[in-house]
Amino acid sequence: MYMRDTVVNNQVGLHARPATFFIQKANEYKSSIWIEKEERRVNAKSLLGVLSLGIVKGSTIGIIADGPDEKEAVDSLVDLISSNFSE
């Protein structure tokens, strides 16, 4: 299991279009991947789950993966968030 925390800094947070990009990237990996915000953890490959966290600009989230490509998956998702989804 591998985990990293990151801060979401893009204008709309992790909603609609950015959430879709995030989920598409998460689905490229074999590992199970979750997003954790405060005490809630959801499947990072589920649009409904990701949207239910209500991640807004400035939110700190944890990205957790467990599987054969866990480190690569978490690092690439953190990089995607850090790039503000290339906006």
PDB file of N, CA and C in Angstrom:
ATOM      1  N   MET A   1       0.843  -1.181   0.000  1.00  0.00           N
ATOM      2  CA  MET A   1       0.000   0.000   0.000  1.00  0.00           C
ATOM      3  C   MET A   1       0.885   1.239   0.000  1.00  0.00           C
ATOM      4  N   TYR A   2       0.497   2.220  -0.805  1.00  0.00           N
ATOM      5  CA  TYR A   2       1.273   3.450  -0.947  1.00  0.00           C
ATOM      6  C   TYR A   2       0.306   4.624  -0.874  1.00  0.00           C
ATOM      7  N   MET A   3       0.696   5.693  -0.151  1.00  0.00           N
ATOM      8  CA  MET A   3      -0.185   6.838   0.041  1.00  0.00           C
ATOM      9  C   MET A   3       0.603   8.140  -0.010  1.00  0.00           C
ATOM     10  N   ARG A   4      -0.039   9.173  -0.589  1.00  0.00           N
ATOM     11  CA  ARG A   4       0.514  10.529  -0.562  1.00  0.00           C
ATOM     12  C   ARG A   4      -0.626  11.519  -0.376  1.00  0.00           C
ATOM     13  N   ASP A   5      -0.338  12.600   0.326  1.00  0.00           N
ATOM     14  CA  ASP A   5      -1.298  13.694   0.469  1.00  0.00           C
ATOM     15  C   ASP A   5      -0.964  14.776  -0.538  1.00  0.00           C
ATOM     16  N   THR A   6      -1.988  15.477  -0.978  1.00  0.00           N
ATOM     17  CA  THR A   6      -1.813  16.589  -1.900  1.00  0.00           C
ATOM     18  C   THR A   6      -2.919  17.607  -1.665  1.00  0.00           C
ATOM     19  N   VAL A   7      -2.689  18.826  -2.131  1.00  0.00           N
ATOM     20  CA  VAL A   7      -3.683  19.897  -2.007  1.00  0.00           C
ATOM     21  C   VAL A   7      -4.218  20.211  -3.401  1.00  0.00           C
ATOM     22  N   VAL A   8      -5.547  20.265  -3.516  1.00  0.00           N
ATOM     23  CA  VAL A   8      -6.200  20.587  -4.784  1.00  0.00           C
ATOM     24  C   VAL A   8      -6.238  22.108  -4.923  1.00  0.00           C
ATOM     25  N   ASN A   9      -5.590  22.644  -5.961  1.00  0.00           N
ATOM     26  CA  ASN A   9      -5.485  24.096  -6.120  1.00  0.00           C
ATOM     27  C   ASN A   9      -6.170  24.655  -7.360  1.00  0.00           C
ATOM     28  N   ASN A  10      -6.759  23.792  -8.201  1.00  0.00           N
ATOM     29  CA  ASN A  10      -7.434  24.359  -9.372  1.00  0.00           C
ATOM     30  C   ASN A  10      -8.744  25.024  -8.947  1.00  0.00           C
ATOM     31  N   GLN A  11      -9.248  25.927  -9.787  1.00  0.00           N
ATOM     32  CA  GLN A  11     -10.382  26.793  -9.431  1.00  0.00           C
ATOM     33  C   GLN A  11     -11.630  26.049  -8.977  1.00  0.00           C
ATOM     34  N   VAL A  12     -12.009  24.981  -9.667  1.00  0.00           N
ATOM     35  CA  VAL A  12     -13.281  24.322  -9.363  1.00  0.00           C
ATOM     36  C   VAL A  12     -13.131  23.107  -8.456  1.00  0.00           C
ATOM     37  N   GLY A  13     -11.921  22.837  -8.004  1.00  0.00           N
ATOM     38  CA  GLY A  13     -11.709  21.654  -7.171  1.00  0.00           C
ATOM     39  C   GLY A  13     -11.784  20.397  -8.018  1.00  0.00           C
ATOM     40  N   LEU A  14     -12.265  19.324  -7.429  1.00  0.00           N
ATOM     41  CA  LEU A  14     -12.346  18.041  -8.143  1.00  0.00           C
ATOM     42  C   LEU A  14     -13.807  17.777  -8.494  1.00  0.00           C
ATOM     43  N   HIS A  15     -14.323  18.580  -9.430  1.00  0.00           N
ATOM     44  CA  HIS A  15     -15.708  18.468  -9.864  1.00  0.00           C
ATOM     45  C   HIS A  15     -15.758  18.346 -11.373  1.00  0.00           C
ATOM     46  N   ALA A  16     -16.812  17.729 -11.876  1.00  0.00           N
ATOM     47  CA  ALA A  16     -17.129  17.603 -13.296  1.00  0.00           C
ATOM     48  C   ALA A  16     -15.926  17.245 -14.161  1.00  0.00           C
ATOM     49  N   ARG A  17     -15.430  18.193 -14.954  1.00  0.00           N
ATOM     50  CA  ARG A  17     -14.361  17.890 -15.915  1.00  0.00           C
ATOM     51  C   ARG A  17     -13.071  17.418 -15.244  1.00  0.00           C
ATOM     52  N   PRO A  18     -12.553  18.118 -14.225  1.00  0.00           N
ATOM     53  CA  PRO A  18     -11.324  17.612 -13.588  1.00  0.00           C
ATOM     54  C   PRO A  18     -11.512  16.225 -12.966  1.00  0.00           C
ATOM     55  N   ALA A  19     -12.678  15.972 -12.406  1.00  0.00           N
ATOM     56  CA  ALA A  19     -12.941  14.648 -11.815  1.00  0.00           C
ATOM     57  C   ALA A  19     -12.920  13.575 -12.892  1.00  0.00           C
ATOM     58  N   THR A  20     -13.452  13.894 -14.062  1.00  0.00           N
ATOM     59  CA  THR A  20     -13.453  12.942 -15.174  1.00  0.00           C
ATOM     60  C   THR A  20     -12.023  12.627 -15.609  1.00  0.00           C
ATOM     61  N   PHE A  21     -11.179  13.658 -15.735  1.00  0.00           N
ATOM     62  CA  PHE A  21      -9.768  13.421 -16.080  1.00  0.00           C
ATOM     63  C   PHE A  21      -9.092  12.554 -15.020  1.00  0.00           C
ATOM     64  N   PHE A  22      -9.358  12.844 -13.753  1.00  0.00           N
ATOM     65  CA  PHE A  22      -8.759  12.101 -12.650  1.00  0.00           C
ATOM     66  C   PHE A  22      -9.150  10.625 -12.723  1.00  0.00           C
ATOM     67  N   ILE A  23     -10.423  10.362 -12.944  1.00  0.00           N
ATOM     68  CA  ILE A  23     -10.928   8.983 -12.991  1.00  0.00           C
ATOM     69  C   ILE A  23     -10.373   8.241 -14.199  1.00  0.00           C
ATOM     70  N   GLN A  24     -10.288   8.915 -15.346  1.00  0.00           N
ATOM     71  CA  GLN A  24      -9.704   8.284 -16.529  1.00  0.00           C
ATOM     72  C   GLN A  24      -8.261   7.868 -16.253  1.00  0.00           C
ATOM     73  N   LYS A  25      -7.502   8.742 -15.586  1.00  0.00           N
ATOM     74  CA  LYS A  25      -6.113   8.426 -15.249  1.00  0.00           C
ATOM     75  C   LYS A  25      -6.059   7.269 -14.258  1.00  0.00           C
ATOM     76  N   ALA A  26      -6.921   7.285 -13.248  1.00  0.00           N
ATOM     77  CA  ALA A  26      -6.950   6.210 -12.239  1.00  0.00           C
ATOM     78  C   ALA A  26      -7.252   4.863 -12.883  1.00  0.00           C
ATOM     79  N   ASN A  27      -8.110   4.864 -13.888  1.00  0.00           N
ATOM     80  CA  ASN A  27      -8.495   3.613 -14.542  1.00  0.00           C
ATOM     81  C   ASN A  27      -7.405   3.037 -15.443  1.00  0.00           C
ATOM     82  N   GLU A  28      -6.308   3.767 -15.638  1.00  0.00           N
ATOM     83  CA  GLU A  28      -5.182   3.248 -16.416  1.00  0.00           C
ATOM     84  C   GLU A  28      -4.355   2.247 -15.603  1.00  0.00           C
ATOM     85  N   TYR A  29      -4.616   2.154 -14.297  1.00  0.00           N
ATOM     86  CA  TYR A  29      -3.799   1.322 -13.414  1.00  0.00           C
ATOM     87  C   TYR A  29      -4.575   0.119 -12.895  1.00  0.00           C
ATOM     88  N   LYS A  30      -3.834  -0.962 -12.646  1.00  0.00           N
ATOM     89  CA  LYS A  30      -4.432  -2.192 -12.132  1.00  0.00           C
ATOM     90  C   LYS A  30      -4.744  -2.103 -10.645  1.00  0.00           C
ATOM     91  N   SER A  31      -3.986  -1.303  -9.917  1.00  0.00           N
ATOM     92  CA  SER A  31      -4.140  -1.195  -8.468  1.00  0.00           C
ATOM     93  C   SER A  31      -5.519  -0.677  -8.080  1.00  0.00           C
ATOM     94  N   SER A  32      -5.953  -1.043  -6.879  1.00  0.00           N
ATOM     95  CA  SER A  32      -7.134  -0.417  -6.280  1.00  0.00           C
ATOM     96  C   SER A  32      -6.690   0.952  -5.790  1.00  0.00           C
ATOM     97  N   ILE A  33      -7.482   1.980  -6.076  1.00  0.00           N
ATOM     98  CA  ILE A  33      -7.096   3.353  -5.729  1.00  0.00           C
ATOM     99  C   ILE A  33      -8.263   4.023  -5.008  1.00  0.00           C
ATOM    100  N   TRP A  34      -7.929   4.736  -3.931  1.00  0.00           N
ATOM    101  CA  TRP A  34      -8.935   5.457  -3.157  1.00  0.00           C
ATOM    102  C   TRP A  34      -8.505   6.897  -2.952  1.00  0.00           C
ATOM    103  N   ILE A  35      -9.504   7.762  -2.749  1.00  0.00           N
ATOM    104  CA  ILE A  35      -9.265   9.148  -2.331  1.00  0.00           C
ATOM    105  C   ILE A  35      -9.828   9.267  -0.925  1.00  0.00           C
ATOM    106  N   GLU A  36      -9.049   9.903  -0.070  1.00  0.00           N
ATOM    107  CA  GLU A  36      -9.474  10.094   1.309  1.00  0.00           C
ATOM    108  C   GLU A  36      -9.517  11.592   1.620  1.00  0.00           C
ATOM    109  N   LYS A  37     -10.642  12.046   2.158  1.00  0.00           N
ATOM    110  CA  LYS A  37     -10.788  13.436   2.586  1.00  0.00           C
ATOM    111  C   LYS A  37     -11.405  13.386   3.974  1.00  0.00           C
ATOM    112  N   GLU A  38     -10.687  13.958   4.932  1.00  0.00           N
ATOM    113  CA  GLU A  38     -11.086  13.902   6.336  1.00  0.00           C
ATOM    114  C   GLU A  38     -11.259  12.433   6.719  1.00  0.00           C
ATOM    115  N   GLU A  39     -12.423  12.008   7.136  1.00  0.00           N
ATOM    116  CA  GLU A  39     -12.608  10.614   7.569  1.00  0.00           C
ATOM    117  C   GLU A  39     -13.255   9.736   6.504  1.00  0.00           C
ATOM    118  N   ARG A  40     -13.489  10.286   5.304  1.00  0.00           N
ATOM    119  CA  ARG A  40     -14.173   9.513   4.263  1.00  0.00           C
ATOM    120  C   ARG A  40     -13.198   9.014   3.215  1.00  0.00           C
ATOM    121  N   ARG A  41     -13.428   7.785   2.759  1.00  0.00           N
ATOM    122  CA  ARG A  41     -12.600   7.187   1.715  1.00  0.00           C
ATOM    123  C   ARG A  41     -13.515   6.630   0.634  1.00  0.00           C
ATOM    124  N   VAL A  42     -13.228   6.991  -0.633  1.00  0.00           N
ATOM    125  CA  VAL A  42     -14.038   6.505  -1.749  1.00  0.00           C
ATOM    126  C   VAL A  42     -13.136   5.934  -2.839  1.00  0.00           C
ATOM    127  N   ASN A  43     -13.741   5.125  -3.689  1.00  0.00           N
ATOM    128  CA  ASN A  43     -13.052   4.548  -4.834  1.00  0.00           C
ATOM    129  C   ASN A  43     -12.710   5.661  -5.820  1.00  0.00           C
ATOM    130  N   ALA A  44     -11.431   5.803  -6.149  1.00  0.00           N
ATOM    131  CA  ALA A  44     -10.985   6.863  -7.056  1.00  0.00           C
ATOM    132  C   ALA A  44     -11.365   6.586  -8.507  1.00  0.00           C
ATOM    133  N   LYS A  45     -11.901   5.404  -8.775  1.00  0.00           N
ATOM    134  CA  LYS A  45     -12.311   5.057 -10.137  1.00  0.00           C
ATOM    135  C   LYS A  45     -13.816   5.248 -10.325  1.00  0.00           C
ATOM    136  N   SER A  46     -14.474   5.818  -9.323  1.00  0.00           N
ATOM    137  CA  SER A  46     -15.922   6.028  -9.358  1.00  0.00           C
ATOM    138  C   SER A  46     -16.246   7.527  -9.382  1.00  0.00           C
ATOM    139  N   LEU A  47     -16.880   7.987 -10.457  1.00  0.00           N
ATOM    140  CA  LEU A  47     -17.224   9.406 -10.565  1.00  0.00           C
ATOM    141  C   LEU A  47     -18.144   9.830  -9.423  1.00  0.00           C
ATOM    142  N   LEU A  48     -19.151   9.034  -9.141  1.00  0.00           N
ATOM    143  CA  LEU A  48     -20.083   9.379  -8.069  1.00  0.00           C
ATOM    144  C   LEU A  48     -19.364   9.456  -6.723  1.00  0.00           C
ATOM    145  N   GLY A  49     -18.466   8.510  -6.484  1.00  0.00           N
ATOM    146  CA  GLY A  49     -17.707   8.516  -5.232  1.00  0.00           C
ATOM    147  C   GLY A  49     -16.848   9.758  -5.093  1.00  0.00           C
ATOM    148  N   VAL A  50     -16.113  10.095  -6.145  1.00  0.00           N
ATOM    149  CA  VAL A  50     -15.228  11.268  -6.124  1.00  0.00           C
ATOM    150  C   VAL A  50     -16.035  12.546  -5.928  1.00  0.00           C
ATOM    151  N   LEU A  51     -17.129  12.682  -6.662  1.00  0.00           N
ATOM    152  CA  LEU A  51     -17.955  13.883  -6.544  1.00  0.00           C
ATOM    153  C   LEU A  51     -18.590  13.998  -5.159  1.00  0.00           C
ATOM    154  N   SER A  52     -18.897  12.859  -4.530  1.00  0.00           N
ATOM    155  CA  SER A  52     -19.552  12.872  -3.217  1.00  0.00           C
ATOM    156  C   SER A  52     -18.664  13.450  -2.114  1.00  0.00           C
ATOM    157  N   LEU A  53     -17.351  13.505  -2.349  1.00  0.00           N
ATOM    158  CA  LEU A  53     -16.447  14.064  -1.337  1.00  0.00           C
ATOM    159  C   LEU A  53     -16.504  15.589  -1.281  1.00  0.00           C
ATOM    160  N   GLY A  54     -17.022  16.220  -2.332  1.00  0.00           N
ATOM    161  CA  GLY A  54     -17.120  17.682  -2.341  1.00  0.00           C
ATOM    162  C   GLY A  54     -15.765  18.359  -2.217  1.00  0.00           C
ATOM    163  N   ILE A  55     -14.810  17.926  -3.029  1.00  0.00           N
ATOM    164  CA  ILE A  55     -13.440  18.454  -2.959  1.00  0.00           C
ATOM    165  C   ILE A  55     -13.390  19.811  -3.669  1.00  0.00           C
ATOM    166  N   VAL A  56     -13.117  20.856  -2.901  1.00  0.00           N
ATOM    167  CA  VAL A  56     -13.043  22.219  -3.434  1.00  0.00           C
ATOM    168  C   VAL A  56     -11.600  22.712  -3.411  1.00  0.00           C
ATOM    169  N   LYS A  57     -11.372  23.854  -4.039  1.00  0.00           N
ATOM    170  CA  LYS A  57     -10.033  24.443  -4.056  1.00  0.00           C
ATOM    171  C   LYS A  57      -9.523  24.593  -2.622  1.00  0.00           C
ATOM    172  N   GLY A  58      -8.284  24.154  -2.397  1.00  0.00           N
ATOM    173  CA  GLY A  58      -7.669  24.249  -1.080  1.00  0.00           C
ATOM    174  C   GLY A  58      -7.832  23.003  -0.227  1.00  0.00           C
ATOM    175  N   SER A  59      -8.615  22.030  -0.698  1.00  0.00           N
ATOM    176  CA  SER A  59      -8.809  20.783   0.052  1.00  0.00           C
ATOM    177  C   SER A  59      -7.544  19.942   0.042  1.00  0.00           C
ATOM    178  N   THR A  60      -7.219  19.357   1.190  1.00  0.00           N
ATOM    179  CA  THR A  60      -6.132  18.384   1.262  1.00  0.00           C
ATOM    180  C   THR A  60      -6.750  17.005   1.182  1.00  0.00           C
ATOM    181  N   ILE A  61      -6.241  16.189   0.252  1.00  0.00           N
ATOM    182  CA  ILE A  61      -6.757  14.829   0.099  1.00  0.00           C
ATOM    183  C   ILE A  61      -5.601  13.843   0.135  1.00  0.00           C
ATOM    184  N   GLY A  62      -5.906  12.631   0.478  1.00  0.00           N
ATOM    185  CA  GLY A  62      -4.939  11.549   0.418  1.00  0.00           C
ATOM    186  C   GLY A  62      -5.282  10.652  -0.758  1.00  0.00           C
ATOM    187  N   ILE A  63      -4.287  10.212  -1.474  1.00  0.00           N
ATOM    188  CA  ILE A  63      -4.490   9.250  -2.555  1.00  0.00           C
ATOM    189  C   ILE A  63      -3.776   7.979  -2.148  1.00  0.00           C
ATOM    190  N   ILE A  64      -4.521   6.890  -2.112  1.00  0.00           N
ATOM    191  CA  ILE A  64      -4.010   5.614  -1.619  1.00  0.00           C
ATOM    192  C   ILE A  64      -4.177   4.566  -2.718  1.00  0.00           C
ATOM    193  N   ALA A  65      -3.165   3.758  -2.925  1.00  0.00           N
ATOM    194  CA  ALA A  65      -3.272   2.672  -3.900  1.00  0.00           C
ATOM    195  C   ALA A  65      -2.682   1.403  -3.311  1.00  0.00           C
ATOM    196  N   ASP A  66      -3.230   0.284  -3.747  1.00  0.00           N
ATOM    197  CA  ASP A  66      -2.751  -1.016  -3.318  1.00  0.00           C
ATOM    198  C   ASP A  66      -2.790  -1.946  -4.524  1.00  0.00           C
ATOM    199  N   GLY A  67      -1.621  -2.411  -4.943  1.00  0.00           N
ATOM    200  CA  GLY A  67      -1.565  -3.302  -6.091  1.00  0.00           C
ATOM    201  C   GLY A  67      -0.210  -3.261  -6.763  1.00  0.00           C
ATOM    202  N   PRO A  68      -0.111  -3.899  -7.930  1.00  0.00           N
ATOM    203  CA  PRO A  68       1.182  -4.049  -8.590  1.00  0.00           C
ATOM    204  C   PRO A  68       1.823  -2.748  -9.073  1.00  0.00           C
ATOM    205  N   ASP A  69       1.016  -1.729  -9.353  1.00  0.00           N
ATOM    206  CA  ASP A  69       1.550  -0.464  -9.864  1.00  0.00           C
ATOM    207  C   ASP A  69       1.160   0.700  -8.952  1.00  0.00           C
ATOM    208  N   GLU A  70       1.064   0.420  -7.646  1.00  0.00           N
ATOM    209  CA  GLU A  70       0.556   1.403  -6.675  1.00  0.00           C
ATOM    210  C   GLU A  70       1.352   2.698  -6.630  1.00  0.00           C
ATOM    211  N   LYS A  71       2.673   2.614  -6.602  1.00  0.00           N
ATOM    212  CA  LYS A  71       3.489   3.834  -6.491  1.00  0.00           C
ATOM    213  C   LYS A  71       3.339   4.695  -7.749  1.00  0.00           C
ATOM    214  N   GLU A  72       3.417   4.071  -8.905  1.00  0.00           N
ATOM    215  CA  GLU A  72       3.268   4.796 -10.168  1.00  0.00           C
ATOM    216  C   GLU A  72       1.879   5.435 -10.254  1.00  0.00           C
ATOM    217  N   ALA A  73       0.853   4.724  -9.833  1.00  0.00           N
ATOM    218  CA  ALA A  73      -0.520   5.248  -9.886  1.00  0.00           C
ATOM    219  C   ALA A  73      -0.670   6.481  -9.001  1.00  0.00           C
ATOM    220  N   VAL A  74      -0.249   6.385  -7.750  1.00  0.00           N
ATOM    221  CA  VAL A  74      -0.387   7.511  -6.823  1.00  0.00           C
ATOM    222  C   VAL A  74       0.433   8.707  -7.306  1.00  0.00           C
ATOM    223  N   ASP A  75       1.675   8.461  -7.699  1.00  0.00           N
ATOM    224  CA  ASP A  75       2.532   9.565  -8.143  1.00  0.00           C
ATOM    225  C   ASP A  75       1.953  10.269  -9.371  1.00  0.00           C
ATOM    226  N   SER A  76       1.398   9.522 -10.322  1.00  0.00           N
ATOM    227  CA  SER A  76       0.856  10.160 -11.527  1.00  0.00           C
ATOM    228  C   SER A  76      -0.416  10.945 -11.201  1.00  0.00           C
ATOM    229  N   LEU A  77      -1.227  10.461 -10.273  1.00  0.00           N
ATOM    230  CA  LEU A  77      -2.442  11.188  -9.892  1.00  0.00           C
ATOM    231  C   LEU A  77      -2.106  12.456  -9.104  1.00  0.00           C
ATOM    232  N   VAL A  78      -1.099  12.379  -8.243  1.00  0.00           N
ATOM    233  CA  VAL A  78      -0.651  13.578  -7.520  1.00  0.00           C
ATOM    234  C   VAL A  78      -0.101  14.598  -8.517  1.00  0.00           C
ATOM    235  N   ASP A  79       0.656  14.134  -9.509  1.00  0.00           N
ATOM    236  CA  ASP A  79       1.191  15.029 -10.542  1.00  0.00           C
ATOM    237  C   ASP A  79       0.060  15.696 -11.331  1.00  0.00           C
ATOM    238  N   LEU A  80      -0.991  14.932 -11.649  1.00  0.00           N
ATOM    239  CA  LEU A  80      -2.130  15.478 -12.379  1.00  0.00           C
ATOM    240  C   LEU A  80      -2.792  16.595 -11.568  1.00  0.00           C
ATOM    241  N   ILE A  81      -2.988  16.365 -10.281  1.00  0.00           N
ATOM    242  CA  ILE A  81      -3.595  17.387  -9.420  1.00  0.00           C
ATOM    243  C   ILE A  81      -2.662  18.587  -9.290  1.00  0.00           C
ATOM    244  N   SER A  82      -1.369  18.344  -9.134  1.00  0.00           N
ATOM    245  CA  SER A  82      -0.391  19.435  -8.992  1.00  0.00           C
ATOM    246  C   SER A  82      -0.326  20.300 -10.243  1.00  0.00           C
ATOM    247  N   SER A  83      -0.604  19.726 -11.391  1.00  0.00           N
ATOM    248  CA  SER A  83      -0.572  20.482 -12.661  1.00  0.00           C
ATOM    249  C   SER A  83      -1.868  21.270 -12.861  1.00  0.00           C
ATOM    250  N   ASN A  84      -2.755  21.226 -11.866  1.00  0.00           N
ATOM    251  CA  ASN A  84      -4.081  21.859 -11.974  1.00  0.00           C
ATOM    252  C   ASN A  84      -4.843  21.357 -13.204  1.00  0.00           C
ATOM    253  N   PHE A  85      -4.641  20.086 -13.525  1.00  0.00           N
ATOM    254  CA  PHE A  85      -5.314  19.432 -14.645  1.00  0.00           C
ATOM    255  C   PHE A  85      -5.004  20.153 -15.956  1.00  0.00           C
ATOM    256  N   SER A  86      -3.799  20.700 -16.032  1.00  0.00           N
ATOM    257  CA  SER A  86      -3.289  21.387 -17.226  1.00  0.00           C
ATOM    258  C   SER A  86      -4.192  22.539 -17.664  1.00  0.00           C
ATOM    259  N   GLU A  87      -4.802  23.204 -16.701  1.00  0.00           N
ATOM    260  CA  GLU A  87      -5.677  24.339 -17.042  1.00  0.00           C
ATOM    261  C   GLU A  87      -4.842  25.578 -17.306  1.00  0.00           C
TER     262      GLU A  87
END
